[in-house]
Amino acid sequence: MRPHTSCQTQDVLRQLELRILPHPAYSRGLAPSDYYLFPQLKKYLKGHHNDNDEEVISDVRRWCRGQSSEFFPHRQACAN
């Protein structure tokens, strides 16, 4: 069953006046196997205040460099 398609679900959404936003079923730029990155990265970035995109990129790169090689199991395979 697809999400938000049952009659009961749609009735509740209508009653609550909620609008369902369309989104892709998957992201071509991010494999499901990469989702393990986000909790650790979010924890690292918590409390950081960046004024621009370059600062965010710098923080993310700093975090990536601080990870052990085992943290990125497919990095070497992708590099070769």
C-alpha atoms as a PDB file:
ATOM      1  CA  MET A   1       0.000   0.000   0.000  1.00  0.00           C
ATOM      2  CA  ARG A   2       1.336   3.426  -0.877  1.00  0.00           C
ATOM      3  CA  PRO A   3       1.396   6.053   1.885  1.00  0.00           C
ATOM      4  CA  HIS A   4      -1.489   8.510   2.100  1.00  0.00           C
ATOM      5  CA  THR A   5      -3.656   6.593  -0.376  1.00  0.00           C
ATOM      6  CA  SER A   6      -6.095   4.716   1.840  1.00  0.00           C
ATOM      7  CA  CYS A   7      -9.538   6.288   2.140  1.00  0.00           C
ATOM      8  CA  GLN A   8      -9.228   6.522   5.918  1.00  0.00           C
ATOM      9  CA  THR A   9      -5.881   8.276   5.697  1.00  0.00           C
ATOM     10  CA  GLN A  10      -7.137  10.727   3.101  1.00  0.00           C
ATOM     11  CA  ASP A  11     -10.237  11.480   5.210  1.00  0.00           C
ATOM     12  CA  VAL A  12      -8.097  12.288   8.247  1.00  0.00           C
ATOM     13  CA  LEU A  13      -5.784  14.479   6.188  1.00  0.00           C
ATOM     14  CA  ARG A  14      -8.773  16.385   4.813  1.00  0.00           C
ATOM     15  CA  GLN A  15     -10.285  16.828   8.284  1.00  0.00           C
ATOM     16  CA  LEU A  16      -7.000  18.186   9.588  1.00  0.00           C
ATOM     17  CA  GLU A  17      -6.686  20.390   6.514  1.00  0.00           C
ATOM     18  CA  LEU A  18      -3.228  19.014   5.821  1.00  0.00           C
ATOM     19  CA  ARG A  19      -1.673  19.232   2.405  1.00  0.00           C
ATOM     20  CA  ILE A  20       0.570  16.413   1.206  1.00  0.00           C
ATOM     21  CA  LEU A  21       3.693  17.704  -0.470  1.00  0.00           C
ATOM     22  CA  PRO A  22       5.000  15.670  -3.388  1.00  0.00           C
ATOM     23  CA  HIS A  23       8.475  14.233  -3.035  1.00  0.00           C
ATOM     24  CA  PRO A  24      10.488  11.636  -4.918  1.00  0.00           C
ATOM     25  CA  ALA A  25      10.419   8.080  -3.675  1.00  0.00           C
ATOM     26  CA  TYR A  26      14.200   8.143  -3.619  1.00  0.00           C
ATOM     27  CA  SER A  27      17.042  10.524  -4.200  1.00  0.00           C
ATOM     28  CA  ARG A  28      19.361   9.825  -7.127  1.00  0.00           C
ATOM     29  CA  GLY A  29      22.114  11.737  -5.353  1.00  0.00           C
ATOM     30  CA  LEU A  30      21.978   9.753  -2.122  1.00  0.00           C
ATOM     31  CA  ALA A  31      21.958   5.999  -1.751  1.00  0.00           C
ATOM     32  CA  PRO A  32      19.998   4.523   1.187  1.00  0.00           C
ATOM     33  CA  SER A  33      23.277   2.996   2.359  1.00  0.00           C
ATOM     34  CA  ASP A  34      24.589   6.541   2.995  1.00  0.00           C
ATOM     35  CA  TYR A  35      21.903   7.455   5.544  1.00  0.00           C
ATOM     36  CA  TYR A  36      24.152   6.375   8.436  1.00  0.00           C
ATOM     37  CA  LEU A  37      26.132   9.595   7.909  1.00  0.00           C
ATOM     38  CA  PHE A  38      23.448  11.988   8.984  1.00  0.00           C
ATOM     39  CA  PRO A  39      22.984  11.296  12.714  1.00  0.00           C
ATOM     40  CA  GLN A  40      26.727  11.662  13.388  1.00  0.00           C
ATOM     41  CA  LEU A  41      27.079  14.724  11.159  1.00  0.00           C
ATOM     42  CA  LYS A  42      24.011  16.369  12.717  1.00  0.00           C
ATOM     43  CA  LYS A  43      25.463  15.764  16.188  1.00  0.00           C
ATOM     44  CA  TYR A  44      28.752  17.382  15.127  1.00  0.00           C
ATOM     45  CA  LEU A  45      27.049  20.399  13.544  1.00  0.00           C
ATOM     46  CA  LYS A  46      24.680  21.003  16.469  1.00  0.00           C
ATOM     47  CA  GLY A  47      25.387  24.421  17.899  1.00  0.00           C
ATOM     48  CA  HIS A  48      27.490  25.558  14.927  1.00  0.00           C
ATOM     49  CA  HIS A  49      26.343  28.861  13.498  1.00  0.00           C
ATOM     50  CA  ASN A  50      27.393  29.482   9.913  1.00  0.00           C
ATOM     51  CA  ASP A  51      26.933  32.741   8.060  1.00  0.00           C
ATOM     52  CA  ASN A  52      27.260  31.310   4.559  1.00  0.00           C
ATOM     53  CA  ASP A  53      27.464  28.129   2.491  1.00  0.00           C
ATOM     54  CA  GLU A  54      31.262  28.154   2.439  1.00  0.00           C
ATOM     55  CA  GLU A  55      31.375  27.919   6.236  1.00  0.00           C
ATOM     56  CA  VAL A  56      28.965  24.977   6.190  1.00  0.00           C
ATOM     57  CA  ILE A  57      31.069  23.224   3.550  1.00  0.00           C
ATOM     58  CA  SER A  58      34.200  23.871   5.598  1.00  0.00           C
ATOM     59  CA  ASP A  59      32.590  22.407   8.740  1.00  0.00           C
ATOM     60  CA  VAL A  60      31.391  19.310   6.876  1.00  0.00           C
ATOM     61  CA  ARG A  61      34.821  18.765   5.325  1.00  0.00           C
ATOM     62  CA  ARG A  62      36.458  19.165   8.743  1.00  0.00           C
ATOM     63  CA  TRP A  63      34.084  16.536  10.147  1.00  0.00           C
ATOM     64  CA  CYS A  64      34.771  14.163   7.236  1.00  0.00           C
ATOM     65  CA  ARG A  65      38.541  14.470   7.688  1.00  0.00           C
ATOM     66  CA  GLY A  66      38.127  13.612  11.365  1.00  0.00           C
ATOM     67  CA  GLN A  67      36.435  10.281  10.681  1.00  0.00           C
ATOM     68  CA  SER A  68      38.363   7.021  10.652  1.00  0.00           C
ATOM     69  CA  SER A  69      38.771   5.188   7.353  1.00  0.00           C
ATOM     70  CA  GLU A  70      36.389   2.505   8.647  1.00  0.00           C
ATOM     71  CA  PHE A  71      33.619   5.093   8.908  1.00  0.00           C
ATOM     72  CA  PHE A  72      33.463   5.364   5.112  1.00  0.00           C
ATOM     73  CA  PRO A  73      33.515   1.693   4.071  1.00  0.00           C
ATOM     74  CA  HIS A  74      33.005   2.371   0.355  1.00  0.00           C
ATOM     75  CA  ARG A  75      35.327   5.360   0.020  1.00  0.00           C
ATOM     76  CA  GLN A  76      38.298   3.376  -1.300  1.00  0.00           C
ATOM     77  CA  ALA A  77      36.134   1.378  -3.716  1.00  0.00           C
ATOM     78  CA  CYS A  78      34.709   4.603  -5.138  1.00  0.00           C
ATOM     79  CA  ALA A  79      38.143   6.199  -5.447  1.00  0.00           C
ATOM     80  CA  ASN A  80      39.503   3.318  -7.530  1.00  0.00           C
END
